[in-house]
Amino acid sequence: MDEHSEEFRMNLKFYREQKGWSQAELAIQANSSNGQIGNIEAGKAFPSFELILRIADAFSIHPADLFLRDSSKFQDRKLYSKYHELLLNCEHLPECHKQIVNQLVKSLAESASNTKYKTSH
């Protein structure tokens, strides 16, 4: 399994758990089957483009968020929650502005994470 597939799997599970959903609940929300979601999370299957879009829609995130390397690795869950709250509040913005906000918040989170790591180790 390549790095991107692994990141997708981890992010899928991460976002599902953030919602407090079982695989069955995600399957319902994304108009899929429980087995298909389980196989994707286990690395036994790959989602179609259409399913990726439905999953992202179910999570109320941009599909690209499922491929971001740091989505499932946020150290500070409160920061993560605030990040997504901010992005949801930006839904009315044009896509180019949403991308700017996303990059800014990611940079700030990475900076905070790097600072925390350097000072605690």
N, C-alpha and C. Protein backbone atom coordinates (compact mmCIF):
# COMPACT_ATOMS: atom_id res chain seq x y z
N MET A 1 0.85 -1.18 0.00
CA MET A 1 0.00 0.00 0.00
C MET A 1 0.89 1.24 0.00
N ASP A 2 0.56 2.20 -0.88
CA ASP A 2 1.39 3.40 -0.96
C ASP A 2 1.03 4.39 0.16
N GLU A 3 1.87 5.38 0.29
CA GLU A 3 1.73 6.37 1.37
C GLU A 3 0.40 7.12 1.31
N HIS A 4 -0.04 7.47 0.10
CA HIS A 4 -1.29 8.23 -0.03
C HIS A 4 -2.50 7.40 0.36
N SER A 5 -2.47 6.13 0.01
CA SER A 5 -3.58 5.25 0.39
C SER A 5 -3.64 5.10 1.90
N GLU A 6 -2.48 4.97 2.52
CA GLU A 6 -2.42 4.84 3.98
C GLU A 6 -2.93 6.12 4.65
N GLU A 7 -2.52 7.27 4.14
CA GLU A 7 -2.99 8.54 4.70
C GLU A 7 -4.51 8.67 4.54
N PHE A 8 -5.01 8.27 3.38
CA PHE A 8 -6.45 8.32 3.16
C PHE A 8 -7.17 7.45 4.18
N ARG A 9 -6.71 6.23 4.36
CA ARG A 9 -7.33 5.31 5.31
C ARG A 9 -7.34 5.87 6.71
N MET A 10 -6.20 6.40 7.13
CA MET A 10 -6.10 6.95 8.49
C MET A 10 -7.00 8.17 8.65
N ASN A 11 -7.05 9.02 7.63
CA ASN A 11 -7.90 10.20 7.70
C ASN A 11 -9.38 9.82 7.69
N LEU A 12 -9.73 8.82 6.89
CA LEU A 12 -11.11 8.35 6.86
C LEU A 12 -11.55 7.90 8.25
N LYS A 13 -10.72 7.10 8.87
CA LYS A 13 -11.02 6.61 10.23
C LYS A 13 -11.06 7.77 11.22
N PHE A 14 -10.10 8.68 11.10
CA PHE A 14 -10.03 9.82 11.99
C PHE A 14 -11.30 10.66 11.92
N TYR A 15 -11.70 11.05 10.71
CA TYR A 15 -12.90 11.88 10.56
C TYR A 15 -14.14 11.13 11.03
N ARG A 16 -14.19 9.83 10.76
CA ARG A 16 -15.34 9.02 11.20
C ARG A 16 -15.43 9.02 12.72
N GLU A 17 -14.29 8.82 13.37
CA GLU A 17 -14.28 8.80 14.84
C GLU A 17 -14.57 10.18 15.41
N GLN A 18 -14.11 11.25 14.72
CA GLN A 18 -14.42 12.61 15.18
C GLN A 18 -15.92 12.85 15.21
N LYS A 19 -16.63 12.27 14.26
CA LYS A 19 -18.09 12.39 14.21
C LYS A 19 -18.76 11.46 15.21
N GLY A 20 -18.00 10.49 15.73
CA GLY A 20 -18.58 9.52 16.64
C GLY A 20 -19.40 8.46 15.91
N TRP A 21 -19.06 8.24 14.66
CA TRP A 21 -19.80 7.32 13.82
C TRP A 21 -19.14 5.95 13.76
N SER A 22 -19.95 4.93 13.67
CA SER A 22 -19.46 3.59 13.35
C SER A 22 -19.26 3.53 11.84
N GLN A 23 -18.64 2.45 11.38
CA GLN A 23 -18.51 2.27 9.93
C GLN A 23 -19.89 2.18 9.29
N ALA A 24 -20.82 1.54 9.98
CA ALA A 24 -22.19 1.42 9.46
C ALA A 24 -22.85 2.79 9.31
N GLU A 25 -22.66 3.67 10.28
CA GLU A 25 -23.24 5.01 10.20
C GLU A 25 -22.63 5.80 9.05
N LEU A 26 -21.31 5.71 8.89
CA LEU A 26 -20.67 6.40 7.76
C LEU A 26 -21.22 5.85 6.45
N ALA A 27 -21.39 4.54 6.37
CA ALA A 27 -21.93 3.93 5.15
C ALA A 27 -23.30 4.50 4.83
N ILE A 28 -24.14 4.66 5.84
CA ILE A 28 -25.47 5.24 5.63
C ILE A 28 -25.34 6.68 5.14
N GLN A 29 -24.51 7.46 5.82
CA GLN A 29 -24.35 8.87 5.49
C GLN A 29 -23.76 9.08 4.10
N ALA A 30 -22.89 8.15 3.65
CA ALA A 30 -22.22 8.28 2.35
C ALA A 30 -22.87 7.43 1.26
N ASN A 31 -24.04 6.86 1.58
CA ASN A 31 -24.74 6.02 0.61
C ASN A 31 -23.83 4.92 0.07
N SER A 32 -23.24 4.18 1.00
CA SER A 32 -22.33 3.09 0.68
C SER A 32 -22.76 1.88 1.49
N SER A 33 -21.90 0.86 1.52
CA SER A 33 -22.20 -0.31 2.36
C SER A 33 -21.20 -0.37 3.50
N ASN A 34 -21.65 -0.95 4.60
CA ASN A 34 -20.79 -1.10 5.77
C ASN A 34 -19.53 -1.87 5.40
N GLY A 35 -19.69 -2.93 4.62
CA GLY A 35 -18.54 -3.74 4.21
C GLY A 35 -17.54 -2.96 3.39
N GLN A 36 -18.04 -2.10 2.52
CA GLN A 36 -17.15 -1.31 1.68
C GLN A 36 -16.32 -0.34 2.53
N ILE A 37 -16.96 0.32 3.48
CA ILE A 37 -16.23 1.24 4.36
C ILE A 37 -15.19 0.46 5.17
N GLY A 38 -15.58 -0.69 5.70
CA GLY A 38 -14.65 -1.52 6.46
C GLY A 38 -13.48 -1.97 5.63
N ASN A 39 -13.73 -2.37 4.39
CA ASN A 39 -12.65 -2.80 3.50
C ASN A 39 -11.71 -1.66 3.14
N ILE A 40 -12.26 -0.47 2.98
CA ILE A 40 -11.42 0.70 2.69
C ILE A 40 -10.53 1.00 3.89
N GLU A 41 -11.11 1.03 5.08
CA GLU A 41 -10.32 1.31 6.28
C GLU A 41 -9.27 0.23 6.53
N ALA A 42 -9.56 -1.01 6.14
CA ALA A 42 -8.61 -2.11 6.32
C ALA A 42 -7.56 -2.17 5.21
N GLY A 43 -7.71 -1.33 4.18
CA GLY A 43 -6.75 -1.33 3.08
C GLY A 43 -7.00 -2.44 2.07
N LYS A 44 -8.18 -3.05 2.12
CA LYS A 44 -8.50 -4.15 1.20
C LYS A 44 -9.22 -3.66 -0.06
N ALA A 45 -9.69 -2.43 -0.04
CA ALA A 45 -10.41 -1.87 -1.18
C ALA A 45 -10.09 -0.39 -1.29
N PHE A 46 -10.33 0.16 -2.47
CA PHE A 46 -10.11 1.58 -2.71
C PHE A 46 -11.44 2.20 -3.13
N PRO A 47 -11.74 3.39 -2.64
CA PRO A 47 -13.02 4.02 -2.99
C PRO A 47 -12.99 4.60 -4.40
N SER A 48 -14.15 4.67 -5.02
CA SER A 48 -14.27 5.36 -6.30
C SER A 48 -14.23 6.86 -6.03
N PHE A 49 -14.03 7.62 -7.09
CA PHE A 49 -14.04 9.07 -6.96
C PHE A 49 -15.38 9.54 -6.42
N GLU A 50 -16.46 8.95 -6.91
CA GLU A 50 -17.80 9.33 -6.46
C GLU A 50 -17.97 9.07 -4.97
N LEU A 51 -17.44 7.93 -4.49
CA LEU A 51 -17.56 7.62 -3.07
C LEU A 51 -16.73 8.58 -2.23
N ILE A 52 -15.57 8.96 -2.71
CA ILE A 52 -14.75 9.95 -1.99
C ILE A 52 -15.54 11.25 -1.83
N LEU A 53 -16.22 11.67 -2.88
CA LEU A 53 -17.03 12.90 -2.81
C LEU A 53 -18.18 12.74 -1.82
N ARG A 54 -18.83 11.59 -1.81
CA ARG A 54 -19.94 11.36 -0.88
C ARG A 54 -19.44 11.30 0.57
N ILE A 55 -18.29 10.69 0.78
CA ILE A 55 -17.71 10.62 2.13
C ILE A 55 -17.37 12.02 2.62
N ALA A 56 -16.71 12.80 1.78
CA ALA A 56 -16.36 14.18 2.16
C ALA A 56 -17.61 14.98 2.47
N ASP A 57 -18.64 14.80 1.66
CA ASP A 57 -19.90 15.50 1.89
C ASP A 57 -20.51 15.08 3.23
N ALA A 58 -20.45 13.80 3.53
CA ALA A 58 -20.99 13.31 4.81
C ALA A 58 -20.24 13.93 5.99
N PHE A 59 -18.93 14.11 5.84
CA PHE A 59 -18.13 14.70 6.91
C PHE A 59 -18.17 16.23 6.90
N SER A 60 -18.77 16.82 5.87
CA SER A 60 -18.80 18.28 5.68
C SER A 60 -17.39 18.85 5.57
N ILE A 61 -16.56 18.16 4.79
CA ILE A 61 -15.19 18.61 4.55
C ILE A 61 -14.95 18.64 3.05
N HIS A 62 -13.86 19.27 2.67
CA HIS A 62 -13.43 19.25 1.27
C HIS A 62 -12.82 17.88 1.00
N PRO A 63 -13.06 17.29 -0.17
CA PRO A 63 -12.48 15.97 -0.45
C PRO A 63 -10.97 15.91 -0.27
N ALA A 64 -10.28 17.01 -0.54
CA ALA A 64 -8.82 17.02 -0.37
C ALA A 64 -8.41 16.78 1.08
N ASP A 65 -9.28 17.14 2.02
CA ASP A 65 -8.95 16.93 3.43
C ASP A 65 -8.74 15.45 3.75
N LEU A 66 -9.33 14.58 2.97
CA LEU A 66 -9.15 13.14 3.20
C LEU A 66 -7.75 12.68 2.82
N PHE A 67 -7.02 13.51 2.09
CA PHE A 67 -5.68 13.15 1.64
C PHE A 67 -4.57 13.93 2.34
N LEU A 68 -4.94 14.87 3.21
CA LEU A 68 -3.93 15.67 3.91
C LEU A 68 -3.15 14.80 4.88
N ARG A 69 -1.86 14.98 4.90
CA ARG A 69 -1.02 14.14 5.74
C ARG A 69 -1.25 14.33 7.23
N ASP A 70 -1.63 15.51 7.65
CA ASP A 70 -1.69 15.76 9.08
C ASP A 70 -3.08 15.67 9.69
N SER A 71 -4.10 15.37 8.91
CA SER A 71 -5.46 15.34 9.45
C SER A 71 -5.61 14.38 10.62
N SER A 72 -5.05 13.20 10.49
CA SER A 72 -5.21 12.20 11.54
C SER A 72 -4.12 12.28 12.60
N LYS A 73 -3.22 13.24 12.47
CA LYS A 73 -2.07 13.29 13.38
C LYS A 73 -2.05 14.53 14.25
N PHE A 74 -3.14 15.31 14.26
CA PHE A 74 -3.19 16.49 15.12
C PHE A 74 -2.98 16.07 16.57
N GLN A 75 -2.05 16.71 17.24
CA GLN A 75 -1.79 16.41 18.64
C GLN A 75 -2.85 17.02 19.55
N ASP A 76 -3.32 18.18 19.20
CA ASP A 76 -4.25 18.92 20.04
C ASP A 76 -5.65 18.83 19.44
N ARG A 77 -6.51 18.00 20.02
CA ARG A 77 -7.85 17.79 19.48
C ARG A 77 -8.70 19.05 19.58
N LYS A 78 -8.49 19.88 20.58
CA LYS A 78 -9.24 21.13 20.67
C LYS A 78 -8.88 22.03 19.49
N LEU A 79 -7.59 22.08 19.17
CA LEU A 79 -7.15 22.87 18.03
C LEU A 79 -7.78 22.33 16.75
N TYR A 80 -7.82 21.03 16.62
CA TYR A 80 -8.43 20.40 15.45
C TYR A 80 -9.90 20.79 15.34
N SER A 81 -10.62 20.71 16.45
CA SER A 81 -12.04 21.05 16.45
C SER A 81 -12.25 22.50 16.05
N LYS A 82 -11.42 23.38 16.56
CA LYS A 82 -11.53 24.80 16.21
C LYS A 82 -11.23 25.02 14.74
N TYR A 83 -10.24 24.28 14.23
CA TYR A 83 -9.87 24.35 12.81
C TYR A 83 -11.07 24.02 11.94
N HIS A 84 -11.74 22.93 12.24
CA HIS A 84 -12.88 22.54 11.43
C HIS A 84 -14.08 23.45 11.63
N GLU A 85 -14.25 23.95 12.82
CA GLU A 85 -15.32 24.92 13.07
C GLU A 85 -15.10 26.16 12.21
N LEU A 86 -13.86 26.62 12.14
CA LEU A 86 -13.53 27.78 11.33
C LEU A 86 -13.80 27.50 9.86
N LEU A 87 -13.38 26.34 9.38
CA LEU A 87 -13.61 26.01 7.98
C LEU A 87 -15.10 25.91 7.66
N LEU A 88 -15.87 25.35 8.56
CA LEU A 88 -17.31 25.27 8.33
C LEU A 88 -17.94 26.66 8.29
N ASN A 89 -17.42 27.58 9.10
CA ASN A 89 -17.93 28.95 9.10
C ASN A 89 -17.52 29.72 7.85
N CYS A 90 -16.59 29.17 7.10
CA CYS A 90 -16.12 29.84 5.88
C CYS A 90 -16.80 29.31 4.62
N GLU A 91 -17.82 28.49 4.79
CA GLU A 91 -18.49 27.87 3.64
C GLU A 91 -19.02 28.90 2.64
N HIS A 92 -19.37 30.08 3.10
CA HIS A 92 -19.94 31.10 2.22
C HIS A 92 -18.86 31.80 1.38
N LEU A 93 -17.61 31.61 1.72
CA LEU A 93 -16.52 32.27 1.00
C LEU A 93 -16.27 31.60 -0.36
N PRO A 94 -15.72 32.35 -1.29
CA PRO A 94 -15.31 31.73 -2.56
C PRO A 94 -14.23 30.67 -2.29
N GLU A 95 -14.16 29.70 -3.16
CA GLU A 95 -13.22 28.58 -2.98
C GLU A 95 -11.78 29.06 -2.79
N CYS A 96 -11.35 30.07 -3.53
CA CYS A 96 -9.97 30.55 -3.41
C CYS A 96 -9.71 31.10 -2.00
N HIS A 97 -10.71 31.75 -1.40
CA HIS A 97 -10.54 32.28 -0.05
C HIS A 97 -10.54 31.16 0.98
N LYS A 98 -11.37 30.12 0.75
CA LYS A 98 -11.37 28.97 1.65
C LYS A 98 -10.01 28.30 1.67
N GLN A 99 -9.39 28.21 0.50
CA GLN A 99 -8.07 27.59 0.42
C GLN A 99 -7.03 28.41 1.18
N ILE A 100 -7.13 29.71 1.11
CA ILE A 100 -6.21 30.58 1.84
C ILE A 100 -6.38 30.38 3.35
N VAL A 101 -7.63 30.37 3.82
CA VAL A 101 -7.91 30.15 5.24
C VAL A 101 -7.38 28.78 5.66
N ASN A 102 -7.63 27.76 4.84
CA ASN A 102 -7.16 26.41 5.14
C ASN A 102 -5.64 26.37 5.28
N GLN A 103 -4.93 26.97 4.35
CA GLN A 103 -3.47 26.98 4.40
C GLN A 103 -2.95 27.76 5.60
N LEU A 104 -3.58 28.87 5.91
CA LEU A 104 -3.18 29.67 7.06
C LEU A 104 -3.34 28.89 8.35
N VAL A 105 -4.49 28.27 8.52
CA VAL A 105 -4.75 27.51 9.74
C VAL A 105 -3.80 26.32 9.84
N LYS A 106 -3.58 25.63 8.72
CA LYS A 106 -2.64 24.50 8.72
C LYS A 106 -1.24 24.95 9.13
N SER A 107 -0.81 26.08 8.58
CA SER A 107 0.52 26.60 8.91
C SER A 107 0.62 26.94 10.39
N LEU A 108 -0.42 27.58 10.92
CA LEU A 108 -0.43 27.91 12.34
C LEU A 108 -0.41 26.65 13.20
N ALA A 109 -1.18 25.64 12.81
CA ALA A 109 -1.22 24.39 13.58
C ALA A 109 0.12 23.69 13.53
N GLU A 110 0.74 23.65 12.36
CA GLU A 110 2.06 23.02 12.24
C GLU A 110 3.10 23.77 13.06
N SER A 111 3.03 25.08 13.02
CA SER A 111 3.96 25.89 13.79
C SER A 111 3.78 25.63 15.29
N ALA A 112 2.54 25.59 15.74
CA ALA A 112 2.27 25.32 17.15
C ALA A 112 2.74 23.92 17.52
N SER A 113 2.52 22.97 16.64
CA SER A 113 2.93 21.59 16.89
C SER A 113 4.44 21.49 16.97
N ASN A 114 5.14 22.15 16.06
CA ASN A 114 6.61 22.11 16.06
C ASN A 114 7.17 22.79 17.29
N THR A 115 6.57 23.89 17.70
CA THR A 115 7.02 24.60 18.89
C THR A 115 6.80 23.74 20.13
N LYS A 116 5.64 23.10 20.21
CA LYS A 116 5.33 22.24 21.34
C LYS A 116 6.32 21.08 21.42
N TYR A 117 6.63 20.49 20.25
CA TYR A 117 7.57 19.37 20.21
C TYR A 117 8.96 19.79 20.67
N LYS A 118 9.44 20.93 20.16
CA LYS A 118 10.78 21.39 20.52
C LYS A 118 10.90 21.74 21.99
N THR A 119 9.86 22.28 22.58
CA THR A 119 9.96 22.69 23.98
C THR A 119 9.72 21.54 24.95
N SER A 120 9.04 20.47 24.47
CA SER A 120 8.73 19.39 25.39
C SER A 120 9.71 18.23 25.30
N HIS A 121 10.59 18.22 24.30
CA HIS A 121 11.53 17.10 24.16
C HIS A 121 12.96 17.56 24.26
